[in-house]
Amino acid sequence: MDPANGRWEPSGGIQGMPSPPGPPFPRHPFVGPVDSVPELLWREIDNLVPPSLSILLPALNEENGVAAVMKRIPRSILKRNGLSYCVYLLDGQSTDQTRAVATKFGAEVFVQTGRGKGSAFREFVPKIKEDFTVLLDSDGTYPPEAIPELVEALGDESPVVLGSRLRGSIGEGAMSGPNYVGNLLLSRFASVLFATPISDVCSGMWAFVSDSLKSLGLTANGFDLEADIFAECALRHIPILEVPIRYDRRIGEPKLRLKEGFRIALALLKKRLRSSPVPTVEKRAVLGRWFRPAREPV
């Protein structure tokens, strides 16, 4: 100790630490109210956390289709785009090897407690933790390769993206003539009923901002799920962006029958009648919009 100033001084060859060059270290940015954190800093923090994606595959005895879909998921493109992702099989209590196949290819299996595609989807949606969600059928008809394109199209102005078969291309033998006409009529019926244009209301490929998906009051239990999604978006004025996709022949035996089309139409009508009426002006406007070409993502 230096008796002159009453402080400890370094002895021998030990020298005191020099002061750091430049200004003192800044105060930790999170000290103080959260509102005081600059917006630019929040953006930088968001950039450090990669966006996440959940890919949902509803399935019931689709072991061959699930295998084909899992193989075609463009993992390298998703990773290159900075997306962390997880594939979830929404299993409708399959009795074949569907679950085993999905697990083999890295999917997490969720076995629904109820019955029906819509019921499985509604049961799983509250469990979603990822930022974005893609729904596609597991029968090989929809292109997993289009997942990056649909996710890239998501944004504040397009929180829901639809993969449209009727604006895209249909492989040989993938859709019969009566099925094509039925899908077209259902889509036009839905467009007029909800004063919201849609080209392919029964498409089994959708992408969502997950928070928007969770805000929907879905009620569908079966194959009317996609129509229910459209109806909820229309009623809540959530815009749907359409992206043309290719539709291929189904792997395995078809499960949809003609009567499902009538059930879907009835479900749409019930949803419309239970909601507030659509203004006449909107009904007239939709007639001039439903034939327009699909909007392409910017």
Protein backbone atom coordinates (compact mmCIF):
# COMPACT_ATOMS: atom_id res chain seq x y z
CA MET A 1 0.00 0.00 0.00
CA ASP A 2 1.24 3.49 -0.77
CA PRO A 3 1.09 5.34 2.53
CA ALA A 4 0.94 8.63 0.68
CA ASN A 5 -2.38 8.02 -1.07
CA GLY A 6 -3.77 5.06 0.89
CA ARG A 7 -4.18 2.82 -2.21
CA TRP A 8 -2.72 -0.49 -3.25
CA GLU A 9 -0.11 -0.09 -5.94
CA PRO A 10 1.35 -2.84 -8.17
CA SER A 11 4.68 -4.12 -6.94
CA GLY A 12 7.73 -5.53 -8.71
CA GLY A 13 7.38 -5.75 -12.45
CA ILE A 14 3.60 -5.87 -12.46
CA GLN A 15 2.08 -2.88 -14.19
CA GLY A 16 -1.46 -1.58 -13.83
CA MET A 17 -3.96 -2.46 -16.61
CA PRO A 18 -4.27 0.37 -19.13
CA SER A 19 -7.66 1.93 -19.75
CA PRO A 20 -9.50 0.44 -22.77
CA PRO A 21 -9.23 2.58 -25.90
CA GLY A 22 -12.25 4.48 -27.11
CA PRO A 23 -15.51 5.15 -25.28
CA PRO A 24 -16.68 3.01 -22.36
CA PHE A 25 -18.68 -0.19 -23.06
CA PRO A 26 -22.29 0.66 -23.92
CA ARG A 27 -25.07 -0.10 -21.56
CA HIS A 28 -26.73 -3.50 -22.20
CA PRO A 29 -29.53 -2.84 -24.71
CA PHE A 30 -32.14 -4.68 -22.60
CA VAL A 31 -31.54 -2.59 -19.48
CA GLY A 32 -34.57 -0.40 -19.18
CA PRO A 33 -38.02 -0.62 -20.78
CA VAL A 34 -38.39 -3.04 -23.68
CA ASP A 35 -40.09 -0.29 -25.70
CA SER A 36 -36.82 1.67 -25.66
CA VAL A 37 -35.03 -0.99 -27.75
CA PRO A 38 -34.44 0.46 -31.24
CA GLU A 39 -36.44 -1.16 -34.05
CA LEU A 40 -33.21 -1.76 -35.96
CA LEU A 41 -31.90 -3.85 -33.08
CA TRP A 42 -35.05 -5.97 -33.04
CA ARG A 43 -34.56 -6.65 -36.75
CA GLU A 44 -30.98 -7.71 -36.14
CA ILE A 45 -32.13 -10.06 -33.37
CA ASP A 46 -34.82 -11.53 -35.65
CA ASN A 47 -32.19 -12.18 -38.30
CA LEU A 48 -30.21 -14.27 -35.84
CA VAL A 49 -33.14 -16.65 -35.33
CA PRO A 50 -33.90 -18.66 -38.50
CA PRO A 51 -37.60 -18.90 -39.43
CA SER A 52 -39.18 -22.29 -38.82
CA LEU A 53 -41.62 -24.35 -40.86
CA SER A 54 -43.98 -27.19 -40.04
CA ILE A 55 -45.01 -29.51 -42.88
CA LEU A 56 -48.27 -31.34 -42.11
CA LEU A 57 -49.14 -34.57 -43.90
CA PRO A 58 -52.63 -35.90 -43.07
CA ALA A 59 -52.72 -39.63 -43.79
CA LEU A 60 -54.79 -42.76 -43.38
CA ASN A 61 -53.23 -45.95 -44.72
CA GLU A 62 -50.95 -44.08 -47.14
CA GLU A 63 -47.65 -45.94 -46.63
CA ASN A 64 -46.63 -45.73 -50.30
CA GLY A 65 -47.74 -42.13 -50.75
CA VAL A 66 -46.01 -40.99 -47.57
CA ALA A 67 -42.74 -42.57 -48.68
CA ALA A 68 -42.90 -40.81 -52.05
CA VAL A 69 -43.77 -37.43 -50.52
CA MET A 70 -41.04 -37.62 -47.87
CA LYS A 71 -38.42 -38.43 -50.51
CA ARG A 72 -39.44 -35.42 -52.61
CA ILE A 73 -39.37 -32.77 -49.88
CA PRO A 74 -36.64 -30.33 -51.06
CA ARG A 75 -34.58 -30.39 -47.88
CA SER A 76 -31.48 -28.81 -49.42
CA ILE A 77 -33.47 -25.86 -50.81
CA LEU A 78 -35.23 -25.28 -47.49
CA LYS A 79 -31.91 -25.26 -45.64
CA ARG A 80 -30.32 -23.02 -48.26
CA ASN A 81 -33.16 -20.55 -47.71
CA GLY A 82 -32.41 -20.55 -43.98
CA LEU A 83 -35.54 -22.46 -42.96
CA SER A 84 -35.51 -24.93 -40.11
CA TYR A 85 -38.36 -27.37 -40.60
CA CYS A 86 -40.12 -30.36 -39.14
CA VAL A 87 -42.45 -32.83 -40.86
CA TYR A 88 -45.48 -34.04 -38.92
CA LEU A 89 -47.60 -37.00 -39.97
CA LEU A 90 -51.21 -36.47 -38.87
CA ASP A 91 -52.22 -40.09 -38.74
CA GLY A 92 -55.86 -41.10 -38.81
CA GLN A 93 -55.22 -44.36 -36.93
CA SER A 94 -53.69 -46.20 -39.91
CA THR A 95 -53.63 -50.00 -39.93
CA ASP A 96 -50.78 -50.40 -42.45
CA GLN A 97 -47.11 -49.26 -42.25
CA THR A 98 -47.82 -45.55 -42.68
CA ARG A 99 -46.45 -44.53 -39.27
CA ALA A 100 -43.34 -46.72 -39.59
CA VAL A 101 -42.56 -45.31 -43.04
CA ALA A 102 -43.01 -41.72 -41.86
CA THR A 103 -40.72 -42.31 -38.88
CA LYS A 104 -38.10 -43.92 -41.12
CA PHE A 105 -37.90 -40.76 -43.21
CA GLY A 106 -37.67 -38.45 -40.20
CA ALA A 107 -41.26 -37.36 -39.61
CA GLU A 108 -42.82 -36.95 -36.19
CA VAL A 109 -46.06 -38.92 -35.85
CA PHE A 110 -49.23 -37.48 -34.32
CA VAL A 111 -52.12 -39.94 -33.95
CA GLN A 112 -55.46 -38.19 -33.79
CA THR A 113 -58.04 -39.09 -31.17
CA GLY A 114 -61.06 -38.45 -33.39
CA ARG A 115 -61.93 -39.42 -36.93
CA GLY A 116 -61.55 -37.54 -40.21
CA LYS A 117 -58.99 -35.35 -41.92
CA GLY A 118 -60.46 -32.09 -40.67
CA SER A 119 -60.63 -33.37 -37.11
CA ALA A 120 -56.94 -34.38 -37.17
CA PHE A 121 -55.91 -31.00 -38.53
CA ARG A 122 -57.93 -29.03 -35.99
CA GLU A 123 -56.58 -31.16 -33.16
CA PHE A 124 -52.96 -30.53 -34.17
CA VAL A 125 -53.05 -26.82 -35.07
CA PRO A 126 -52.82 -25.55 -31.44
CA LYS A 127 -49.62 -27.59 -31.05
CA ILE A 128 -47.81 -25.82 -33.89
CA LYS A 129 -44.77 -23.87 -32.68
CA GLU A 130 -43.19 -23.04 -36.05
CA ASP A 131 -43.54 -19.65 -37.78
CA PHE A 132 -44.98 -21.05 -41.01
CA THR A 133 -47.12 -24.07 -41.82
CA VAL A 134 -47.60 -26.04 -45.02
CA LEU A 135 -50.45 -28.51 -45.46
CA LEU A 136 -50.38 -31.05 -48.27
CA ASP A 137 -51.99 -34.41 -48.88
CA SER A 138 -49.76 -37.45 -48.48
CA ASP A 139 -50.97 -39.36 -51.54
CA GLY A 140 -48.35 -38.01 -53.95
CA THR A 141 -50.74 -35.82 -55.94
CA TYR A 142 -49.31 -32.49 -54.76
CA PRO A 143 -45.70 -31.39 -55.43
CA PRO A 144 -43.49 -31.15 -52.32
CA GLU A 145 -41.00 -29.37 -54.59
CA ALA A 146 -43.34 -26.34 -54.57
CA ILE A 147 -43.09 -25.90 -50.78
CA PRO A 148 -40.29 -23.26 -50.95
CA GLU A 149 -42.26 -21.25 -53.52
CA LEU A 150 -45.41 -21.21 -51.39
CA VAL A 151 -43.52 -20.31 -48.21
CA GLU A 152 -41.61 -17.55 -49.99
CA ALA A 153 -44.94 -16.04 -51.09
CA LEU A 154 -46.12 -15.71 -47.47
CA GLY A 155 -46.02 -12.24 -45.94
CA ASP A 156 -47.99 -9.54 -44.14
CA GLU A 157 -50.22 -9.01 -47.18
CA SER A 158 -50.45 -12.70 -48.05
CA PRO A 159 -50.70 -14.71 -44.80
CA VAL A 160 -52.39 -17.60 -46.64
CA VAL A 161 -51.18 -19.10 -49.92
CA LEU A 162 -53.10 -21.67 -51.98
CA GLY A 163 -51.54 -24.10 -54.43
CA SER A 164 -54.05 -24.08 -57.29
CA ARG A 165 -54.35 -27.17 -59.49
CA LEU A 166 -56.91 -25.58 -61.79
CA ARG A 167 -54.60 -22.65 -62.57
CA GLY A 168 -51.60 -24.94 -62.89
CA SER A 169 -51.23 -28.22 -64.76
CA ILE A 170 -52.89 -31.61 -64.31
CA GLY A 171 -51.03 -34.80 -65.15
CA GLU A 172 -52.54 -37.44 -67.39
CA GLY A 173 -55.04 -39.55 -65.49
CA ALA A 174 -54.67 -37.44 -62.32
CA MET A 175 -58.21 -36.04 -62.43
CA SER A 176 -61.20 -37.41 -64.28
CA GLY A 177 -63.50 -35.23 -66.33
CA PRO A 178 -66.36 -35.36 -63.78
CA ASN A 179 -63.94 -34.55 -60.95
CA TYR A 180 -62.57 -31.57 -62.87
CA VAL A 181 -66.05 -30.21 -63.52
CA GLY A 182 -67.02 -30.83 -59.90
CA ASN A 183 -63.98 -28.95 -58.58
CA LEU A 184 -64.67 -26.07 -60.96
CA LEU A 185 -68.34 -25.81 -59.97
CA LEU A 186 -67.55 -26.02 -56.24
CA SER A 187 -64.97 -23.25 -56.59
CA ARG A 188 -67.39 -20.99 -58.43
CA PHE A 189 -70.13 -21.75 -55.94
CA ALA A 190 -67.79 -20.82 -53.07
CA SER A 191 -66.66 -17.65 -54.87
CA VAL A 192 -70.20 -16.35 -55.24
CA LEU A 193 -71.37 -17.54 -51.83
CA PHE A 194 -68.59 -15.71 -49.97
CA ALA A 195 -68.01 -12.89 -52.47
CA THR A 196 -64.36 -13.94 -52.59
CA PRO A 197 -62.76 -15.34 -55.75
CA ILE A 198 -61.01 -18.70 -55.51
CA SER A 199 -60.02 -21.00 -58.36
CA ASP A 200 -59.54 -24.30 -56.50
CA VAL A 201 -61.42 -24.46 -53.20
CA CYS A 202 -60.69 -28.17 -52.69
CA SER A 203 -56.94 -28.01 -53.22
CA GLY A 204 -55.00 -30.06 -50.69
CA MET A 205 -51.91 -27.81 -50.65
CA TRP A 206 -51.84 -24.63 -48.55
CA ALA A 207 -49.25 -22.48 -46.77
CA PHE A 208 -49.92 -20.25 -43.77
CA VAL A 209 -48.35 -17.80 -41.42
CA SER A 210 -48.99 -19.96 -38.36
CA ASP A 211 -50.54 -17.18 -36.28
CA SER A 212 -53.11 -16.56 -39.02
CA LEU A 213 -53.90 -20.26 -39.19
CA LYS A 214 -54.48 -20.42 -35.45
CA SER A 215 -56.90 -17.48 -35.66
CA LEU A 216 -59.32 -19.42 -37.88
CA GLY A 217 -62.42 -20.89 -36.27
CA LEU A 218 -62.33 -24.16 -38.18
CA THR A 219 -65.17 -26.64 -37.70
CA ALA A 220 -64.57 -29.26 -40.44
CA ASN A 221 -64.22 -32.91 -39.51
CA GLY A 222 -63.66 -34.60 -42.87
CA PHE A 223 -62.76 -33.80 -46.47
CA ASP A 224 -64.47 -30.40 -46.20
CA LEU A 225 -61.34 -29.10 -44.42
CA GLU A 226 -60.01 -27.06 -47.34
CA ALA A 227 -63.40 -25.49 -48.03
CA ASP A 228 -63.64 -24.63 -44.33
CA ILE A 229 -60.23 -22.93 -44.47
CA PHE A 230 -61.35 -20.84 -47.44
CA ALA A 231 -64.65 -19.90 -45.80
CA GLU A 232 -62.95 -18.78 -42.59
CA CYS A 233 -60.43 -16.68 -44.51
CA ALA A 234 -63.23 -15.07 -46.52
CA LEU A 235 -65.31 -14.29 -43.44
CA ARG A 236 -62.30 -12.80 -41.63
CA HIS A 237 -61.12 -10.90 -44.71
CA ILE A 238 -57.79 -12.73 -44.74
CA PRO A 239 -56.41 -12.54 -48.30
CA ILE A 240 -55.51 -15.74 -50.12
CA LEU A 241 -52.71 -15.64 -52.67
CA GLU A 242 -52.89 -18.31 -55.38
CA VAL A 243 -49.81 -20.01 -56.84
CA PRO A 244 -50.27 -22.45 -59.78
CA ILE A 245 -49.02 -25.98 -59.06
CA ARG A 246 -48.90 -29.33 -60.84
CA TYR A 247 -51.30 -32.11 -59.88
CA ASP A 248 -50.32 -35.74 -60.50
CA ARG A 249 -51.91 -39.16 -60.37
CA ARG A 250 -52.68 -40.47 -56.91
CA ILE A 251 -50.56 -43.21 -55.34
CA GLY A 252 -52.98 -45.88 -54.13
CA GLU A 253 -56.74 -46.23 -54.30
CA PRO A 254 -58.85 -43.04 -54.39
CA LYS A 255 -60.90 -42.26 -51.28
CA LEU A 256 -63.04 -39.37 -52.45
CA ARG A 257 -66.47 -40.16 -53.84
CA LEU A 258 -68.99 -38.02 -55.70
CA LYS A 259 -71.10 -37.62 -52.56
CA GLU A 260 -68.20 -35.79 -50.87
CA GLY A 261 -68.69 -32.95 -53.33
CA PHE A 262 -72.29 -32.49 -52.16
CA ARG A 263 -71.16 -32.61 -48.53
CA ILE A 264 -68.58 -29.90 -49.20
CA ALA A 265 -71.17 -27.71 -50.93
CA LEU A 266 -73.56 -28.20 -48.01
CA ALA A 267 -70.82 -27.36 -45.49
CA LEU A 268 -70.04 -24.13 -47.37
CA LEU A 269 -73.72 -23.18 -47.44
CA LYS A 270 -74.13 -23.80 -43.70
CA LYS A 271 -71.04 -21.73 -42.95
CA ARG A 272 -72.39 -18.88 -45.04
CA LEU A 273 -75.87 -18.96 -43.50
CA ARG A 274 -74.48 -18.91 -39.96
CA SER A 275 -72.42 -15.79 -40.69
CA SER A 276 -73.41 -12.21 -41.44
CA PRO A 277 -74.77 -11.46 -44.93
CA VAL A 278 -72.47 -10.38 -47.76
CA PRO A 279 -73.14 -6.89 -49.18
CA THR A 280 -74.66 -6.88 -52.66
CA VAL A 281 -71.82 -4.72 -53.98
CA GLU A 282 -69.29 -7.39 -53.03
CA LYS A 283 -71.39 -10.09 -54.73
CA ARG A 284 -71.33 -8.13 -57.97
CA ALA A 285 -67.62 -7.41 -57.73
CA VAL A 286 -66.65 -11.06 -57.31
CA LEU A 287 -68.27 -12.01 -60.61
CA GLY A 288 -65.73 -9.86 -62.40
CA ARG A 289 -62.77 -11.15 -60.40
CA TRP A 290 -63.00 -14.93 -60.26
CA PHE A 291 -61.84 -15.43 -63.88
CA ARG A 292 -58.75 -13.26 -63.51
CA PRO A 293 -55.36 -14.97 -63.72
CA ALA A 294 -53.75 -15.96 -60.46
CA ARG A 295 -51.59 -13.34 -58.78
CA GLU A 296 -47.95 -14.27 -58.93
CA PRO A 297 -45.83 -13.81 -55.80
CA VAL A 298 -43.58 -10.76 -55.93
